[in-house]
Each structure stands twice: as structure tokens, then as C-alpha cells.
Amino acid sequence: MHPFMNQINPIANITNISDEMREKALKRTADILRKVDEVRRSAELAPEHLPIVIDIYGKVVNALITEAAREEMAQRIQRLPMTVRSEDKTGEPMKIKPGKNSYGNYHRVVVRPQVIAYRPEDIAIHGDRSHWMVHDIIVGNRSQFAAKRSPAAGTEFGPGGILEHMKLETAQTAMDITLVVEYVGPEAEGEVFEATMVGTAAD
């Protein structure tokens, strides 16, 4: 079998596409066929091998459908910033003191995205980042540091930081995102932890 002759695979319903997509598919197919014809004439490719036209057209239509789906999805994705802050039970800012809390655990700062399928992409700690250590990031009940030696220095959270090399899981509806943090700064009374989390969500 000639290398141009591949078995024709099932293709999308090429009759159920828009006029604009059909015109694009025909134009791309024509461009490809012009090149194929040049090869046929220069390599004396037998005319009976030209049924490749159907295969090419089908593949072009499928590629256009995939492109359109990706463009539609990209338009639906939005980047949302969220403020993450240590708070007391009344919602007021709360200072985190050095070391662990009274339960012997590091402090948990929780935020619940009010959108569907929110995936954090970046977390930038405010103020002096060197005053903080991050022991874990938890999405729902799943640790994102499971494969990493924790803790991570607060200086790793910002542009070009640790999250550029990590892909965090997606928080679905009613799921919390929790940062487990430790204050290591100089203030005996501690400081309020605050950060900006930027993530993507579908509208």
C-alpha cells in the first residue's frame, strides 16, 4: 500500500456542520490536494490512489470541530482571584502566633470557592513571605504535598514560585481549599496570614 493510502477511519458527521466550517474544510482540503497533486505528478503517483481525498477531508473537518470545541471551552474558562486570610469564628482577621496551635497542629487557613470546578494556579503570600512556612495545601480532603517534602518556605509562593511546577487538583462545589501554615516571623503575637489565590473556573 502506498504510504499516502491509509485505511479510511470513521469521521464526524460532515453534513451536520456550519457553512463557515464547511468552507474552511473545503479550503484546507483544496490546499492539501494541490500539494498532493504536485507530489503525484512529480512522483508519478497513480490516479487511483486519490481516494485519499475523502480521508483528508474527514480529518480536516474533525480538526476544525476540535478547534471550535477548544475555542468554546477557552471562552468559558475564567481566571478568578480570591483572598485567603486567617480569621476567627466571627470572620475577623486573626493573628497566627509562632509554632503550633493549642491542639498541637499547624494553623489551617480555609477558603471555599463559590464556583464550580475551581483549580488554584497561583498563591501569592502578602507581606514578608519569609515569615511563613506552608506545610500543606489540601483540596477537599486530599493533600497536594503528598509527593513533596513539606514544608515549603513562604518565599516560594509568588510569581515564578512553587505552583508553576505543580498542578493542583480541582475543588468541586462545596469543597474547601486549606492552607496549613506556620508563622516563623519575629513578632511574638504573630501576624495575620493573607494571600491571593488565582485559579481557573468554568462559568
C-alpha atoms as a PDB file:
ATOM      1  CA  MET A   1       0.000   0.000   0.000  1.00  0.00           C
ATOM      2  CA  HIS A   2       1.271   3.450  -0.870  1.00  0.00           C
ATOM      3  CA  PRO A   3       2.191   5.493   2.214  1.00  0.00           C
ATOM      4  CA  PHE A   4      -0.471   8.049   1.280  1.00  0.00           C
ATOM      5  CA  MET A   5      -3.135   5.359   1.367  1.00  0.00           C
ATOM      6  CA  ASN A   6      -4.318   4.928   4.945  1.00  0.00           C
ATOM      7  CA  GLN A   7      -7.389   2.966   5.879  1.00  0.00           C
ATOM      8  CA  ILE A   8     -10.297   5.418   5.991  1.00  0.00           C
ATOM      9  CA  ASN A   9     -11.407   5.856   9.574  1.00  0.00           C
ATOM     10  CA  PRO A  10     -14.925   6.793  10.708  1.00  0.00           C
ATOM     11  CA  ILE A  11     -15.251  10.553  10.700  1.00  0.00           C
ATOM     12  CA  ALA A  12     -17.576  13.089  12.202  1.00  0.00           C
ATOM     13  CA  ASN A  13     -20.942  13.744  10.593  1.00  0.00           C
ATOM     14  CA  ILE A  14     -19.615  16.092   7.942  1.00  0.00           C
ATOM     15  CA  THR A  15     -23.116  17.058   6.848  1.00  0.00           C
ATOM     16  CA  ASN A  16     -24.010  18.469  10.252  1.00  0.00           C
ATOM     17  CA  ILE A  17     -21.573  21.383  10.312  1.00  0.00           C
ATOM     18  CA  SER A  18     -21.938  25.104   9.754  1.00  0.00           C
ATOM     19  CA  ASP A  19     -21.463  26.708   6.347  1.00  0.00           C
ATOM     20  CA  GLU A  20     -18.427  28.568   7.711  1.00  0.00           C
ATOM     21  CA  MET A  21     -16.807  25.337   8.925  1.00  0.00           C
ATOM     22  CA  ARG A  22     -17.638  23.577   5.635  1.00  0.00           C
ATOM     23  CA  GLU A  23     -15.998  26.411   3.686  1.00  0.00           C
ATOM     24  CA  LYS A  24     -12.887  26.232   5.897  1.00  0.00           C
ATOM     25  CA  ALA A  25     -12.706  22.454   5.494  1.00  0.00           C
ATOM     26  CA  LEU A  26     -13.021  22.640   1.720  1.00  0.00           C
ATOM     27  CA  LYS A  27     -10.365  25.362   1.512  1.00  0.00           C
ATOM     28  CA  ARG A  28      -7.904  23.408   3.658  1.00  0.00           C
ATOM     29  CA  THR A  29      -8.617  20.214   1.734  1.00  0.00           C
ATOM     30  CA  ALA A  30      -8.049  22.020  -1.565  1.00  0.00           C
ATOM     31  CA  ASP A  31      -4.724  23.358  -0.314  1.00  0.00           C
ATOM     32  CA  ILE A  32      -3.641  19.867   0.730  1.00  0.00           C
ATOM     33  CA  LEU A  33      -4.804  18.364  -2.574  1.00  0.00           C
ATOM     34  CA  ARG A  34      -2.803  20.878  -4.565  1.00  0.00           C
ATOM     35  CA  LYS A  35       0.274  19.695  -2.713  1.00  0.00           C
ATOM     36  CA  VAL A  36      -0.734  16.057  -3.192  1.00  0.00           C
ATOM     37  CA  ASP A  37      -1.182  16.677  -6.924  1.00  0.00           C
ATOM     38  CA  GLU A  38       2.302  18.168  -7.114  1.00  0.00           C
ATOM     39  CA  VAL A  39       3.630  15.035  -5.438  1.00  0.00           C
ATOM     40  CA  ARG A  40       1.526  12.818  -7.736  1.00  0.00           C
ATOM     41  CA  ARG A  41       2.883  14.462 -10.847  1.00  0.00           C
ATOM     42  CA  SER A  42       6.485  14.561  -9.691  1.00  0.00           C
ATOM     43  CA  ALA A  43       6.421  11.042  -8.219  1.00  0.00           C
ATOM     44  CA  GLU A  44       4.011   9.653 -10.848  1.00  0.00           C
ATOM     45  CA  LEU A  45       1.534   8.643  -8.186  1.00  0.00           C
ATOM     46  CA  ALA A  46      -1.255   6.574  -9.712  1.00  0.00           C
ATOM     47  CA  PRO A  47      -4.594   8.447 -10.047  1.00  0.00           C
ATOM     48  CA  GLU A  48      -6.485   5.559  -8.444  1.00  0.00           C
ATOM     49  CA  HIS A  49      -4.787   6.462  -5.181  1.00  0.00           C
ATOM     50  CA  LEU A  50      -6.677   9.748  -4.994  1.00  0.00           C
ATOM     51  CA  PRO A  51      -9.482   8.402  -2.734  1.00  0.00           C
ATOM     52  CA  ILE A  52      -7.238   9.860  -0.058  1.00  0.00           C
ATOM     53  CA  VAL A  53      -9.329  12.969  -0.723  1.00  0.00           C
ATOM     54  CA  ILE A  54     -12.171  11.614   1.401  1.00  0.00           C
ATOM     55  CA  ASP A  55      -9.846  10.709   4.217  1.00  0.00           C
ATOM     56  CA  ILE A  56      -8.163  14.133   4.118  1.00  0.00           C
ATOM     57  CA  TYR A  57     -11.480  15.991   4.087  1.00  0.00           C
ATOM     58  CA  GLY A  58     -12.808  13.978   7.012  1.00  0.00           C
ATOM     59  CA  LYS A  59      -9.665  14.585   9.054  1.00  0.00           C
ATOM     60  CA  VAL A  60      -9.766  18.313   8.279  1.00  0.00           C
ATOM     61  CA  VAL A  61     -13.411  18.503   9.388  1.00  0.00           C
ATOM     62  CA  ASN A  62     -12.590  16.645  12.605  1.00  0.00           C
ATOM     63  CA  ALA A  63      -9.680  19.018  13.261  1.00  0.00           C
ATOM     64  CA  LEU A  64     -11.957  22.030  12.766  1.00  0.00           C
ATOM     65  CA  ILE A  65     -14.574  20.595  15.114  1.00  0.00           C
ATOM     66  CA  THR A  66     -11.873  20.032  17.746  1.00  0.00           C
ATOM     67  CA  GLU A  67     -10.554  23.577  17.280  1.00  0.00           C
ATOM     68  CA  ALA A  68     -14.062  25.013  17.683  1.00  0.00           C
ATOM     69  CA  ALA A  69     -14.639  22.980  20.866  1.00  0.00           C
ATOM     70  CA  ARG A  70     -11.334  24.189  22.335  1.00  0.00           C
ATOM     71  CA  GLU A  71     -12.134  27.799  21.491  1.00  0.00           C
ATOM     72  CA  GLU A  72     -15.567  27.484  23.103  1.00  0.00           C
ATOM     73  CA  MET A  73     -14.035  25.954  26.245  1.00  0.00           C
ATOM     74  CA  ALA A  74     -11.367  28.671  26.396  1.00  0.00           C
ATOM     75  CA  GLN A  75     -14.076  31.323  26.272  1.00  0.00           C
ATOM     76  CA  ARG A  76     -15.899  29.653  29.176  1.00  0.00           C
ATOM     77  CA  ILE A  77     -12.797  29.449  31.378  1.00  0.00           C
ATOM     78  CA  GLN A  78     -12.234  32.448  33.603  1.00  0.00           C
ATOM     79  CA  ARG A  79      -9.382  33.296  35.946  1.00  0.00           C
ATOM     80  CA  LEU A  80     -10.613  34.254  39.395  1.00  0.00           C
ATOM     81  CA  PRO A  81      -8.583  35.807  42.231  1.00  0.00           C
ATOM     82  CA  MET A  82      -9.577  35.003  45.801  1.00  0.00           C
ATOM     83  CA  THR A  83      -8.359  36.385  49.113  1.00  0.00           C
ATOM     84  CA  VAL A  84      -7.181  33.788  51.631  1.00  0.00           C
ATOM     85  CA  ARG A  85      -6.936  35.134  55.186  1.00  0.00           C
ATOM     86  CA  SER A  86      -6.666  33.779  58.707  1.00  0.00           C
ATOM     87  CA  GLU A  87      -9.884  34.653  60.531  1.00  0.00           C
ATOM     88  CA  ASP A  88     -11.609  33.937  63.816  1.00  0.00           C
ATOM     89  CA  LYS A  89     -15.072  32.400  64.120  1.00  0.00           C
ATOM     90  CA  THR A  90     -16.717  35.769  63.529  1.00  0.00           C
ATOM     91  CA  GLY A  91     -14.834  36.368  60.286  1.00  0.00           C
ATOM     92  CA  GLU A  92     -12.468  38.968  61.715  1.00  0.00           C
ATOM     93  CA  PRO A  93      -8.740  38.905  60.841  1.00  0.00           C
ATOM     94  CA  MET A  94      -6.822  36.703  63.287  1.00  0.00           C
ATOM     95  CA  LYS A  95      -3.111  36.730  64.052  1.00  0.00           C
ATOM     96  CA  ILE A  96      -1.299  33.425  63.910  1.00  0.00           C
ATOM     97  CA  LYS A  97       1.291  33.057  66.641  1.00  0.00           C
ATOM     98  CA  PRO A  98       4.604  31.240  66.186  1.00  0.00           C
ATOM     99  CA  GLY A  99       4.568  27.453  66.426  1.00  0.00           C
ATOM    100  CA  LYS A 100       1.611  25.115  66.611  1.00  0.00           C
ATOM    101  CA  ASN A 101      -1.839  25.854  67.982  1.00  0.00           C
ATOM    102  CA  SER A 102      -3.280  24.569  71.257  1.00  0.00           C
ATOM    103  CA  TYR A 103      -4.189  21.261  69.571  1.00  0.00           C
ATOM    104  CA  GLY A 104      -0.592  20.647  68.553  1.00  0.00           C
ATOM    105  CA  ASN A 105      -1.289  21.264  64.880  1.00  0.00           C
ATOM    106  CA  TYR A 106      -0.185  23.915  62.455  1.00  0.00           C
ATOM    107  CA  HIS A 107      -2.793  26.516  61.617  1.00  0.00           C
ATOM    108  CA  ARG A 108      -5.326  25.855  58.890  1.00  0.00           C
ATOM    109  CA  VAL A 109      -6.491  28.755  56.742  1.00  0.00           C
ATOM    110  CA  VAL A 110      -9.602  27.778  54.796  1.00  0.00           C
ATOM    111  CA  VAL A 111     -11.319  29.231  51.752  1.00  0.00           C
ATOM    112  CA  ARG A 112     -14.327  27.832  49.907  1.00  0.00           C
ATOM    113  CA  PRO A 113     -14.631  28.890  46.247  1.00  0.00           C
ATOM    114  CA  GLN A 114     -18.203  29.788  45.348  1.00  0.00           C
ATOM    115  CA  VAL A 115     -17.834  28.499  41.792  1.00  0.00           C
ATOM    116  CA  ILE A 116     -17.903  25.154  40.022  1.00  0.00           C
ATOM    117  CA  ALA A 117     -14.605  23.361  39.379  1.00  0.00           C
ATOM    118  CA  TYR A 118     -12.061  25.844  40.742  1.00  0.00           C
ATOM    119  CA  ARG A 119      -8.408  24.875  40.246  1.00  0.00           C
ATOM    120  CA  PRO A 120      -5.759  27.008  42.000  1.00  0.00           C
ATOM    121  CA  GLU A 121      -2.872  28.006  39.746  1.00  0.00           C
ATOM    122  CA  ASP A 122      -1.008  30.531  41.870  1.00  0.00           C
ATOM    123  CA  ILE A 123      -0.839  31.629  45.506  1.00  0.00           C
ATOM    124  CA  ALA A 124       0.978  34.829  46.436  1.00  0.00           C
ATOM    125  CA  ILE A 125       1.527  35.455  50.150  1.00  0.00           C
ATOM    126  CA  HIS A 126       1.209  39.104  51.147  1.00  0.00           C
ATOM    127  CA  GLY A 127       3.773  41.000  53.190  1.00  0.00           C
ATOM    128  CA  ASP A 128       7.091  39.427  54.123  1.00  0.00           C
ATOM    129  CA  ARG A 129       6.833  35.893  52.750  1.00  0.00           C
ATOM    130  CA  SER A 130       9.858  34.763  54.726  1.00  0.00           C
ATOM    131  CA  HIS A 131       7.693  34.950  57.875  1.00  0.00           C
ATOM    132  CA  TRP A 132       5.720  31.893  56.781  1.00  0.00           C
ATOM    133  CA  MET A 133       6.074  28.179  56.128  1.00  0.00           C
ATOM    134  CA  VAL A 134       3.409  26.252  54.238  1.00  0.00           C
ATOM    135  CA  HIS A 135       3.122  22.655  55.446  1.00  0.00           C
ATOM    136  CA  ASP A 136       0.401  21.578  53.045  1.00  0.00           C
ATOM    137  CA  ILE A 137      -2.263  22.604  50.575  1.00  0.00           C
ATOM    138  CA  ILE A 138      -5.391  20.495  50.874  1.00  0.00           C
ATOM    139  CA  VAL A 139      -8.133  20.392  48.238  1.00  0.00           C
ATOM    140  CA  GLY A 140     -11.198  18.804  49.781  1.00  0.00           C
ATOM    141  CA  ASN A 141      -9.514  16.135  51.897  1.00  0.00           C
ATOM    142  CA  ARG A 142      -6.605  15.420  49.561  1.00  0.00           C
ATOM    143  CA  SER A 143      -3.106  16.654  50.331  1.00  0.00           C
ATOM    144  CA  GLN A 144      -1.349  18.308  47.396  1.00  0.00           C
ATOM    145  CA  PHE A 145       2.017  17.858  49.105  1.00  0.00           C
ATOM    146  CA  ALA A 146       1.742  14.067  49.300  1.00  0.00           C
ATOM    147  CA  ALA A 147       4.619  13.591  46.847  1.00  0.00           C
ATOM    148  CA  LYS A 148       6.636  16.525  48.170  1.00  0.00           C
ATOM    149  CA  ARG A 149       8.771  17.041  51.230  1.00  0.00           C
ATOM    150  CA  SER A 150       6.981  19.669  53.256  1.00  0.00           C
ATOM    151  CA  PRO A 151       7.075  22.323  54.445  1.00  0.00           C
ATOM    152  CA  ALA A 152       7.660  24.860  51.699  1.00  0.00           C
ATOM    153  CA  ALA A 153       9.060  28.279  52.531  1.00  0.00           C
ATOM    154  CA  GLY A 154       6.661  31.184  52.112  1.00  0.00           C
ATOM    155  CA  THR A 155       9.175  32.743  49.724  1.00  0.00           C
ATOM    156  CA  GLU A 156       8.247  30.016  47.236  1.00  0.00           C
ATOM    157  CA  PHE A 157       4.732  31.412  46.907  1.00  0.00           C
ATOM    158  CA  GLY A 158       4.550  34.172  44.347  1.00  0.00           C
ATOM    159  CA  PRO A 159       5.409  34.772  40.677  1.00  0.00           C
ATOM    160  CA  GLY A 160       7.690  32.016  39.391  1.00  0.00           C
ATOM    161  CA  GLY A 161       7.201  30.071  42.608  1.00  0.00           C
ATOM    162  CA  ILE A 162       6.422  26.516  43.594  1.00  0.00           C
ATOM    163  CA  LEU A 163       2.993  26.306  41.943  1.00  0.00           C
ATOM    164  CA  GLU A 164       4.494  26.774  38.495  1.00  0.00           C
ATOM    165  CA  HIS A 165       5.817  23.234  38.903  1.00  0.00           C
ATOM    166  CA  MET A 166       2.709  21.724  40.497  1.00  0.00           C
ATOM    167  CA  LYS A 167      -0.757  21.014  39.144  1.00  0.00           C
ATOM    168  CA  LEU A 168      -3.216  21.239  42.000  1.00  0.00           C
ATOM    169  CA  GLU A 169      -6.451  19.291  41.962  1.00  0.00           C
ATOM    170  CA  THR A 170      -9.788  20.930  41.235  1.00  0.00           C
ATOM    171  CA  ALA A 171     -12.138  21.936  44.039  1.00  0.00           C
ATOM    172  CA  GLN A 172     -15.694  20.981  43.186  1.00  0.00           C
ATOM    173  CA  THR A 173     -18.816  22.587  44.619  1.00  0.00           C
ATOM    174  CA  ALA A 174     -18.860  22.775  48.456  1.00  0.00           C
ATOM    175  CA  MET A 175     -15.190  21.735  48.735  1.00  0.00           C
ATOM    176  CA  ASP A 176     -12.703  23.705  50.815  1.00  0.00           C
ATOM    177  CA  ILE A 177      -9.154  24.640  49.901  1.00  0.00           C
ATOM    178  CA  THR A 178      -6.982  24.663  53.019  1.00  0.00           C
ATOM    179  CA  LEU A 179      -3.516  26.080  53.550  1.00  0.00           C
ATOM    180  CA  VAL A 180      -1.678  24.609  56.529  1.00  0.00           C
ATOM    181  CA  VAL A 181       0.681  27.369  57.618  1.00  0.00           C
ATOM    182  CA  GLU A 182       3.199  28.180  60.346  1.00  0.00           C
ATOM    183  CA  TYR A 183       4.304  31.643  61.402  1.00  0.00           C
ATOM    184  CA  VAL A 184       8.102  31.862  61.751  1.00  0.00           C
ATOM    185  CA  GLY A 185       8.442  35.645  61.867  1.00  0.00           C
ATOM    186  CA  PRO A 186       9.807  37.858  64.652  1.00  0.00           C
ATOM    187  CA  GLU A 187       6.534  39.038  66.211  1.00  0.00           C
ATOM    188  CA  ALA A 188       5.646  37.257  69.466  1.00  0.00           C
ATOM    189  CA  GLU A 189       1.953  37.935  68.850  1.00  0.00           C
ATOM    190  CA  GLY A 190       2.244  36.728  65.291  1.00  0.00           C
ATOM    191  CA  GLU A 191       0.666  38.193  62.174  1.00  0.00           C
ATOM    192  CA  VAL A 192      -2.451  37.811  60.089  1.00  0.00           C
ATOM    193  CA  PHE A 193      -1.864  35.391  57.233  1.00  0.00           C
ATOM    194  CA  GLU A 194      -3.128  36.774  53.943  1.00  0.00           C
ATOM    195  CA  ALA A 195      -2.589  35.669  50.374  1.00  0.00           C
ATOM    196  CA  THR A 196      -4.140  35.996  46.947  1.00  0.00           C
ATOM    197  CA  MET A 197      -5.087  32.755  45.242  1.00  0.00           C
ATOM    198  CA  VAL A 198      -5.685  32.823  41.500  1.00  0.00           C
ATOM    199  CA  GLY A 199      -7.386  29.897  39.817  1.00  0.00           C
ATOM    200  CA  THR A 200      -9.496  28.905  36.839  1.00  0.00           C
ATOM    201  CA  ALA A 201     -13.167  28.048  36.808  1.00  0.00           C
ATOM    202  CA  ALA A 202     -15.805  27.364  34.177  1.00  0.00           C
ATOM    203  CA  ASP A 203     -18.708  29.774  34.029  1.00  0.00           C
END
